[in-house]
PDB file of N, CA and C in Angstrom:
ATOM      1  N   MET A   1      25.280   7.737 -31.243  1.00  0.00           N
ATOM      2  CA  MET A   1      25.548   7.503 -29.847  1.00  0.00           C
ATOM      3  C   MET A   1      24.327   6.895 -29.162  1.00  0.00           C
ATOM      4  N   ARG A   2      23.146   7.214 -29.648  1.00  0.00           N
ATOM      5  CA  ARG A   2      21.948   6.620 -29.063  1.00  0.00           C
ATOM      6  C   ARG A   2      21.898   5.122 -29.348  1.00  0.00           C
ATOM      7  N   GLU A   3      22.351   4.732 -30.526  1.00  0.00           N
ATOM      8  CA  GLU A   3      22.287   3.321 -30.908  1.00  0.00           C
ATOM      9  C   GLU A   3      23.350   2.481 -30.221  1.00  0.00           C
ATOM     10  N   ARG A   4      24.450   3.073 -29.802  1.00  0.00           N
ATOM     11  CA  ARG A   4      25.549   2.324 -29.197  1.00  0.00           C
ATOM     12  C   ARG A   4      25.532   2.454 -27.680  1.00  0.00           C
ATOM     13  N   THR A   5      24.435   1.972 -27.104  1.00  0.00           N
ATOM     14  CA  THR A   5      24.299   2.038 -25.647  1.00  0.00           C
ATOM     15  C   THR A   5      25.319   1.148 -24.947  1.00  0.00           C
ATOM     16  N   ASP A   6      25.944   0.241 -25.696  1.00  0.00           N
ATOM     17  CA  ASP A   6      26.980  -0.608 -25.116  1.00  0.00           C
ATOM     18  C   ASP A   6      28.262   0.176 -24.845  1.00  0.00           C
ATOM     19  N   VAL A   7      28.423   1.305 -25.502  1.00  0.00           N
ATOM     20  CA  VAL A   7      29.603   2.135 -25.290  1.00  0.00           C
ATOM     21  C   VAL A   7      29.320   3.060 -24.116  1.00  0.00           C
ATOM     22  N   GLN A   8      30.077   2.876 -23.075  1.00  0.00           N
ATOM     23  CA  GLN A   8      29.886   3.644 -21.854  1.00  0.00           C
ATOM     24  C   GLN A   8      30.523   5.029 -21.987  1.00  0.00           C
ATOM     25  N   ASN A   9      30.006   5.986 -21.227  1.00  0.00           N
ATOM     26  CA  ASN A   9      30.552   7.340 -21.261  1.00  0.00           C
ATOM     27  C   ASN A   9      32.029   7.368 -20.900  1.00  0.00           C
ATOM     28  N   ILE A  10      32.443   6.547 -19.958  1.00  0.00           N
ATOM     29  CA  ILE A  10      33.858   6.549 -19.568  1.00  0.00           C
ATOM     30  C   ILE A  10      34.730   6.061 -20.719  1.00  0.00           C
ATOM     31  N   ASP A  11      34.213   5.129 -21.529  1.00  0.00           N
ATOM     32  CA  ASP A  11      34.960   4.678 -22.703  1.00  0.00           C
ATOM     33  C   ASP A  11      35.093   5.809 -23.719  1.00  0.00           C
ATOM     34  N   LEU A  12      34.005   6.558 -23.911  1.00  0.00           N
ATOM     35  CA  LEU A  12      34.063   7.705 -24.816  1.00  0.00           C
ATOM     36  C   LEU A  12      35.083   8.723 -24.329  1.00  0.00           C
ATOM     37  N   MET A  13      35.062   9.004 -23.034  1.00  0.00           N
ATOM     38  CA  MET A  13      36.021   9.962 -22.472  1.00  0.00           C
ATOM     39  C   MET A  13      37.449   9.470 -22.669  1.00  0.00           C
ATOM     40  N   ASN A  14      37.677   8.189 -22.417  1.00  0.00           N
ATOM     41  CA  ASN A  14      39.021   7.638 -22.532  1.00  0.00           C
ATOM     42  C   ASN A  14      39.514   7.609 -23.970  1.00  0.00           C
ATOM     43  N   LEU A  15      38.621   7.377 -24.922  1.00  0.00           N
ATOM     44  CA  LEU A  15      39.030   7.257 -26.319  1.00  0.00           C
ATOM     45  C   LEU A  15      38.945   8.571 -27.094  1.00  0.00           C
ATOM     46  N   ALA A  16      37.902   9.351 -26.831  1.00  0.00           N
ATOM     47  CA  ALA A  16      37.671  10.543 -27.644  1.00  0.00           C
ATOM     48  C   ALA A  16      37.863  11.854 -26.883  1.00  0.00           C
ATOM     49  N   GLY A  17      37.885  11.781 -25.563  1.00  0.00           N
ATOM     50  CA  GLY A  17      38.042  13.001 -24.778  1.00  0.00           C
ATOM     51  C   GLY A  17      36.743  13.738 -24.519  1.00  0.00           C
ATOM     52  N   PHE A  18      35.614  13.133 -24.884  1.00  0.00           N
ATOM     53  CA  PHE A  18      34.304  13.702 -24.577  1.00  0.00           C
ATOM     54  C   PHE A  18      33.305  12.562 -24.465  1.00  0.00           C
ATOM     55  N   CYS A  19      32.167  12.864 -23.858  1.00  0.00           N
ATOM     56  CA  CYS A  19      31.130  11.844 -23.698  1.00  0.00           C
ATOM     57  C   CYS A  19      29.765  12.445 -24.021  1.00  0.00           C
ATOM     58  N   ARG A  20      28.742  11.684 -23.808  1.00  0.00           N
ATOM     59  CA  ARG A  20      27.383  12.162 -24.080  1.00  0.00           C
ATOM     60  C   ARG A  20      27.040  13.390 -23.238  1.00  0.00           C
ATOM     61  N   ASN A  21      27.520  13.411 -21.997  1.00  0.00           N
ATOM     62  CA  ASN A  21      27.241  14.567 -21.134  1.00  0.00           C
ATOM     63  C   ASN A  21      27.921  15.826 -21.674  1.00  0.00           C
ATOM     64  N   CYS A  22      29.143  15.672 -22.187  1.00  0.00           N
ATOM     65  CA  CYS A  22      29.830  16.805 -22.815  1.00  0.00           C
ATOM     66  C   CYS A  22      29.031  17.291 -24.018  1.00  0.00           C
ATOM     67  N   LEU A  23      28.579  16.349 -24.831  1.00  0.00           N
ATOM     68  CA  LEU A  23      27.809  16.691 -26.019  1.00  0.00           C
ATOM     69  C   LEU A  23      26.533  17.445 -25.649  1.00  0.00           C
ATOM     70  N   SER A  24      25.867  17.005 -24.595  1.00  0.00           N
ATOM     71  CA  SER A  24      24.643  17.694 -24.190  1.00  0.00           C
ATOM     72  C   SER A  24      24.947  19.094 -23.669  1.00  0.00           C
ATOM     73  N   ARG A  25      26.072  19.258 -23.004  1.00  0.00           N
ATOM     74  CA  ARG A  25      26.468  20.607 -22.533  1.00  0.00           C
ATOM     75  C   ARG A  25      26.777  21.508 -23.723  1.00  0.00           C
ATOM     76  N   TRP A  26      27.491  20.986 -24.714  1.00  0.00           N
ATOM     77  CA  TRP A  26      27.795  21.776 -25.903  1.00  0.00           C
ATOM     78  C   TRP A  26      26.514  22.143 -26.642  1.00  0.00           C
ATOM     79  N   TYR A  27      25.565  21.229 -26.691  1.00  0.00           N
ATOM     80  CA  TYR A  27      24.273  21.493 -27.332  1.00  0.00           C
ATOM     81  C   TYR A  27      23.567  22.653 -26.620  1.00  0.00           C
ATOM     82  N   ARG A  28      23.539  22.580 -25.291  1.00  0.00           N
ATOM     83  CA  ARG A  28      22.903  23.629 -24.493  1.00  0.00           C
ATOM     84  C   ARG A  28      23.607  24.965 -24.696  1.00  0.00           C
ATOM     85  N   GLU A  29      24.945  24.957 -24.708  1.00  0.00           N
ATOM     86  CA  GLU A  29      25.704  26.188 -24.897  1.00  0.00           C
ATOM     87  C   GLU A  29      25.476  26.783 -26.294  1.00  0.00           C
ATOM     88  N   ALA A  30      25.407  25.934 -27.307  1.00  0.00           N
ATOM     89  CA  ALA A  30      25.148  26.418 -28.671  1.00  0.00           C
ATOM     90  C   ALA A  30      23.747  27.020 -28.767  1.00  0.00           C
ATOM     91  N   ALA A  31      22.807  26.393 -28.102  1.00  0.00           N
ATOM     92  CA  ALA A  31      21.446  26.942 -28.087  1.00  0.00           C
ATOM     93  C   ALA A  31      21.444  28.310 -27.407  1.00  0.00           C
ATOM     94  N   ALA A  32      22.161  28.438 -26.295  1.00  0.00           N
ATOM     95  CA  ALA A  32      22.217  29.710 -25.568  1.00  0.00           C
ATOM     96  C   ALA A  32      22.821  30.813 -26.431  1.00  0.00           C
ATOM     97  N   GLU A  33      23.831  30.466 -27.239  1.00  0.00           N
ATOM     98  CA  GLU A  33      24.431  31.449 -28.136  1.00  0.00           C
ATOM     99  C   GLU A  33      23.421  31.973 -29.150  1.00  0.00           C
ATOM    100  N   ARG A  34      22.385  31.192 -29.390  1.00  0.00           N
ATOM    101  CA  ARG A  34      21.336  31.583 -30.335  1.00  0.00           C
ATOM    102  C   ARG A  34      20.094  32.126 -29.625  1.00  0.00           C
ATOM    103  N   GLY A  35      20.234  32.356 -28.327  1.00  0.00           N
ATOM    104  CA  GLY A  35      19.140  32.919 -27.552  1.00  0.00           C
ATOM    105  C   GLY A  35      18.081  31.914 -27.132  1.00  0.00           C
ATOM    106  N   ILE A  36      18.416  30.636 -27.207  1.00  0.00           N
ATOM    107  CA  ILE A  36      17.473  29.578 -26.836  1.00  0.00           C
ATOM    108  C   ILE A  36      17.916  28.987 -25.504  1.00  0.00           C
ATOM    109  N   THR A  37      17.030  28.990 -24.536  1.00  0.00           N
ATOM    110  CA  THR A  37      17.345  28.425 -23.231  1.00  0.00           C
ATOM    111  C   THR A  37      16.886  26.974 -23.181  1.00  0.00           C
ATOM    112  N   ILE A  38      17.826  26.102 -22.897  1.00  0.00           N
ATOM    113  CA  ILE A  38      17.527  24.686 -22.720  1.00  0.00           C
ATOM    114  C   ILE A  38      18.135  24.259 -21.389  1.00  0.00           C
ATOM    115  N   ALA A  39      17.339  23.688 -20.529  1.00  0.00           N
ATOM    116  CA  ALA A  39      17.844  23.209 -19.239  1.00  0.00           C
ATOM    117  C   ALA A  39      18.712  21.970 -19.462  1.00  0.00           C
ATOM    118  N   ASP A  40      19.644  21.732 -18.537  1.00  0.00           N
ATOM    119  CA  ASP A  40      20.527  20.573 -18.644  1.00  0.00           C
ATOM    120  C   ASP A  40      19.767  19.259 -18.840  1.00  0.00           C
ATOM    121  N   PRO A  41      18.729  18.986 -18.053  1.00  0.00           N
ATOM    122  CA  PRO A  41      18.018  17.713 -18.254  1.00  0.00           C
ATOM    123  C   PRO A  41      17.414  17.585 -19.650  1.00  0.00           C
ATOM    124  N   ALA A  42      16.927  18.682 -20.212  1.00  0.00           N
ATOM    125  CA  ALA A  42      16.342  18.638 -21.559  1.00  0.00           C
ATOM    126  C   ALA A  42      17.419  18.401 -22.612  1.00  0.00           C
ATOM    127  N   ALA A  43      18.571  19.038 -22.447  1.00  0.00           N
ATOM    128  CA  ALA A  43      19.672  18.829 -23.391  1.00  0.00           C
ATOM    129  C   ALA A  43      20.157  17.391 -23.326  1.00  0.00           C
ATOM    130  N   ARG A  44      20.259  16.839 -22.129  1.00  0.00           N
ATOM    131  CA  ARG A  44      20.670  15.438 -22.003  1.00  0.00           C
ATOM    132  C   ARG A  44      19.652  14.509 -22.636  1.00  0.00           C
ATOM    133  N   GLU A  45      18.376  14.819 -22.482  1.00  0.00           N
ATOM    134  CA  GLU A  45      17.345  13.969 -23.080  1.00  0.00           C
ATOM    135  C   GLU A  45      17.442  13.997 -24.606  1.00  0.00           C
ATOM    136  N   ILE A  46      17.815  15.125 -25.173  1.00  0.00           N
ATOM    137  CA  ILE A  46      18.006  15.215 -26.615  1.00  0.00           C
ATOM    138  C   ILE A  46      19.142  14.293 -27.046  1.00  0.00           C
ATOM    139  N   VAL A  47      20.236  14.309 -26.318  1.00  0.00           N
ATOM    140  CA  VAL A  47      21.398  13.491 -26.664  1.00  0.00           C
ATOM    141  C   VAL A  47      21.149  12.007 -26.380  1.00  0.00           C
ATOM    142  N   TYR A  48      20.598  11.701 -25.230  1.00  0.00           N
ATOM    143  CA  TYR A  48      20.402  10.312 -24.825  1.00  0.00           C
ATOM    144  C   TYR A  48      19.166   9.673 -25.449  1.00  0.00           C
ATOM    145  N   GLY A  49      18.209  10.490 -25.878  1.00  0.00           N
ATOM    146  CA  GLY A  49      16.976   9.956 -26.445  1.00  0.00           C
ATOM    147  C   GLY A  49      15.967   9.540 -25.394  1.00  0.00           C
ATOM    148  N   MET A  50      16.248   9.872 -24.164  1.00  0.00           N
ATOM    149  CA  MET A  50      15.374   9.566 -23.025  1.00  0.00           C
ATOM    150  C   MET A  50      15.914  10.333 -21.829  1.00  0.00           C
ATOM    151  N   PRO A  51      15.152  10.431 -20.764  1.00  0.00           N
ATOM    152  CA  PRO A  51      15.696  11.079 -19.562  1.00  0.00           C
ATOM    153  C   PRO A  51      16.989  10.382 -19.112  1.00  0.00           C
ATOM    154  N   TYR A  52      17.942  11.179 -18.686  1.00  0.00           N
ATOM    155  CA  TYR A  52      19.258  10.672 -18.297  1.00  0.00           C
ATOM    156  C   TYR A  52      19.168   9.573 -17.245  1.00  0.00           C
ATOM    157  N   LYS A  53      18.336   9.760 -16.242  1.00  0.00           N
ATOM    158  CA  LYS A  53      18.203   8.747 -15.179  1.00  0.00           C
ATOM    159  C   LYS A  53      17.701   7.425 -15.745  1.00  0.00           C
ATOM    160  N   ASP A  54      16.807   7.478 -16.728  1.00  0.00           N
ATOM    161  CA  ASP A  54      16.325   6.251 -17.369  1.00  0.00           C
ATOM    162  C   ASP A  54      17.460   5.565 -18.122  1.00  0.00           C
ATOM    163  N   TRP A  55      18.262   6.347 -18.855  1.00  0.00           N
ATOM    164  CA  TRP A  55      19.381   5.785 -19.602  1.00  0.00           C
ATOM    165  C   TRP A  55      20.371   5.132 -18.643  1.00  0.00           C
ATOM    166  N   GLN A  56      20.663   5.824 -17.552  1.00  0.00           N
ATOM    167  CA  GLN A  56      21.585   5.264 -16.558  1.00  0.00           C
ATOM    168  C   GLN A  56      21.073   3.917 -16.053  1.00  0.00           C
ATOM    169  N   ALA A  57      19.808   3.854 -15.701  1.00  0.00           N
ATOM    170  CA  ALA A  57      19.236   2.623 -15.149  1.00  0.00           C
ATOM    171  C   ALA A  57      19.269   1.485 -16.170  1.00  0.00           C
ATOM    172  N   LEU A  58      19.059   1.816 -17.425  1.00  0.00           N
ATOM    173  CA  LEU A  58      19.007   0.783 -18.462  1.00  0.00           C
ATOM    174  C   LEU A  58      20.375   0.368 -18.984  1.00  0.00           C
ATOM    175  N   HIS A  59      21.329   1.318 -19.064  1.00  0.00           N
ATOM    176  CA  HIS A  59      22.549   1.051 -19.831  1.00  0.00           C
ATOM    177  C   HIS A  59      23.869   1.272 -19.101  1.00  0.00           C
ATOM    178  N   GLN A  60      23.885   2.089 -18.062  1.00  0.00           N
ATOM    179  CA  GLN A  60      25.165   2.409 -17.445  1.00  0.00           C
ATOM    180  C   GLN A  60      25.633   1.289 -16.545  1.00  0.00           C
ATOM    181  N   LYS A  61      26.880   0.926 -16.730  1.00  0.00           N
ATOM    182  CA  LYS A  61      27.509  -0.098 -15.896  1.00  0.00           C
ATOM    183  C   LYS A  61      28.562   0.569 -15.017  1.00  0.00           C
ATOM    184  N   SER A  62      28.940  -0.105 -13.968  1.00  0.00           N
ATOM    185  CA  SER A  62      30.015   0.403 -13.124  1.00  0.00           C
ATOM    186  C   SER A  62      31.317   0.377 -13.911  1.00  0.00           C
ATOM    187  N   ALA A  63      32.111   1.411 -13.754  1.00  0.00           N
ATOM    188  CA  ALA A  63      33.403   1.474 -14.438  1.00  0.00           C
ATOM    189  C   ALA A  63      34.357   0.468 -13.825  1.00  0.00           C
ATOM    190  N   SER A  64      35.089  -0.213 -14.684  1.00  0.00           N
ATOM    191  CA  SER A  64      36.071  -1.180 -14.217  1.00  0.00           C
ATOM    192  C   SER A  64      37.282  -0.426 -13.658  1.00  0.00           C
ATOM    193  N   PRO A  65      38.103  -1.106 -12.872  1.00  0.00           N
ATOM    194  CA  PRO A  65      39.324  -0.455 -12.387  1.00  0.00           C
ATOM    195  C   PRO A  65      40.207   0.030 -13.542  1.00  0.00           C
ATOM    196  N   GLU A  66      40.236  -0.722 -14.638  1.00  0.00           N
ATOM    197  CA  GLU A  66      41.037  -0.324 -15.797  1.00  0.00           C
ATOM    198  C   GLU A  66      40.489   0.960 -16.430  1.00  0.00           C
ATOM    199  N   GLN A  67      39.166   1.046 -16.555  1.00  0.00           N
ATOM    200  CA  GLN A  67      38.550   2.251 -17.110  1.00  0.00           C
ATOM    201  C   GLN A  67      38.824   3.448 -16.215  1.00  0.00           C
ATOM    202  N   GLN A  68      38.701   3.256 -14.913  1.00  0.00           N
ATOM    203  CA  GLN A  68      38.943   4.342 -13.964  1.00  0.00           C
ATOM    204  C   GLN A  68      40.389   4.804 -14.021  1.00  0.00           C
ATOM    205  N   ALA A  69      41.333   3.859 -14.140  1.00  0.00           N
ATOM    206  CA  ALA A  69      42.751   4.209 -14.212  1.00  0.00           C
ATOM    207  C   ALA A  69      43.042   4.991 -15.483  1.00  0.00           C
ATOM    208  N   ALA A  70      42.466   4.559 -16.608  1.00  0.00           N
ATOM    209  CA  ALA A  70      42.684   5.286 -17.874  1.00  0.00           C
ATOM    210  C   ALA A  70      42.113   6.690 -17.801  1.00  0.00           C
ATOM    211  N   PHE A  71      40.944   6.828 -17.167  1.00  0.00           N
ATOM    212  CA  PHE A  71      40.316   8.132 -17.009  1.00  0.00           C
ATOM    213  C   PHE A  71      41.191   9.031 -16.132  1.00  0.00           C
ATOM    214  N   ALA A  72      41.678   8.483 -15.036  1.00  0.00           N
ATOM    215  CA  ALA A  72      42.528   9.271 -14.129  1.00  0.00           C
ATOM    216  C   ALA A  72      43.815   9.694 -14.818  1.00  0.00           C
ATOM    217  N   ALA A  73      44.397   8.809 -15.602  1.00  0.00           N
ATOM    218  CA  ALA A  73      45.629   9.140 -16.315  1.00  0.00           C
ATOM    219  C   ALA A  73      45.379  10.239 -17.346  1.00  0.00           C
ATOM    220  N   ALA A  74      44.283  10.161 -18.067  1.00  0.00           N
ATOM    221  CA  ALA A  74      43.959  11.185 -19.054  1.00  0.00           C
ATOM    222  C   ALA A  74      43.672  12.518 -18.378  1.00  0.00           C
ATOM    223  N   ASP A  75      42.996  12.472 -17.227  1.00  0.00           N
ATOM    224  CA  ASP A  75      42.661  13.689 -16.483  1.00  0.00           C
ATOM    225  C   ASP A  75      43.929  14.390 -16.016  1.00  0.00           C
ATOM    226  N   LYS A  76      44.907  13.627 -15.585  1.00  0.00           N
ATOM    227  CA  LYS A  76      46.164  14.203 -15.112  1.00  0.00           C
ATOM    228  C   LYS A  76      46.975  14.810 -16.249  1.00  0.00           C
ATOM    229  N   SER A  77      46.806  14.266 -17.459  1.00  0.00           N
ATOM    230  CA  SER A  77      47.559  14.776 -18.596  1.00  0.00           C
ATOM    231  C   SER A  77      46.859  15.948 -19.269  1.00  0.00           C
ATOM    232  N   GLY A  78      45.663  16.318 -18.755  1.00  0.00           N
ATOM    233  CA  GLY A  78      44.962  17.472 -19.282  1.00  0.00           C
ATOM    234  C   GLY A  78      44.004  17.190 -20.412  1.00  0.00           C
ATOM    235  N   HIS A  79      43.695  15.943 -20.654  1.00  0.00           N
ATOM    236  CA  HIS A  79      42.743  15.597 -21.725  1.00  0.00           C
ATOM    237  C   HIS A  79      41.328  15.641 -21.245  1.00  0.00           C
TER     238      HIS A  79
END
């Protein structure tokens, strides 16, 4: 996922039902189950390979109307 910066989080959500942010949350939750505390920004940095704000500035694009519609449709169906 670090190498495919061209793949936007909304595309991941639309195709797979999860994104990098979900992955970082799962990472943090798994660490907590093992008694390891990791703050959200640190977990995101592990997944993104850099601070989240830096990744956003370098790679995140605005979602197209089509991407937003697909996301909304999936959200309504419970995905």
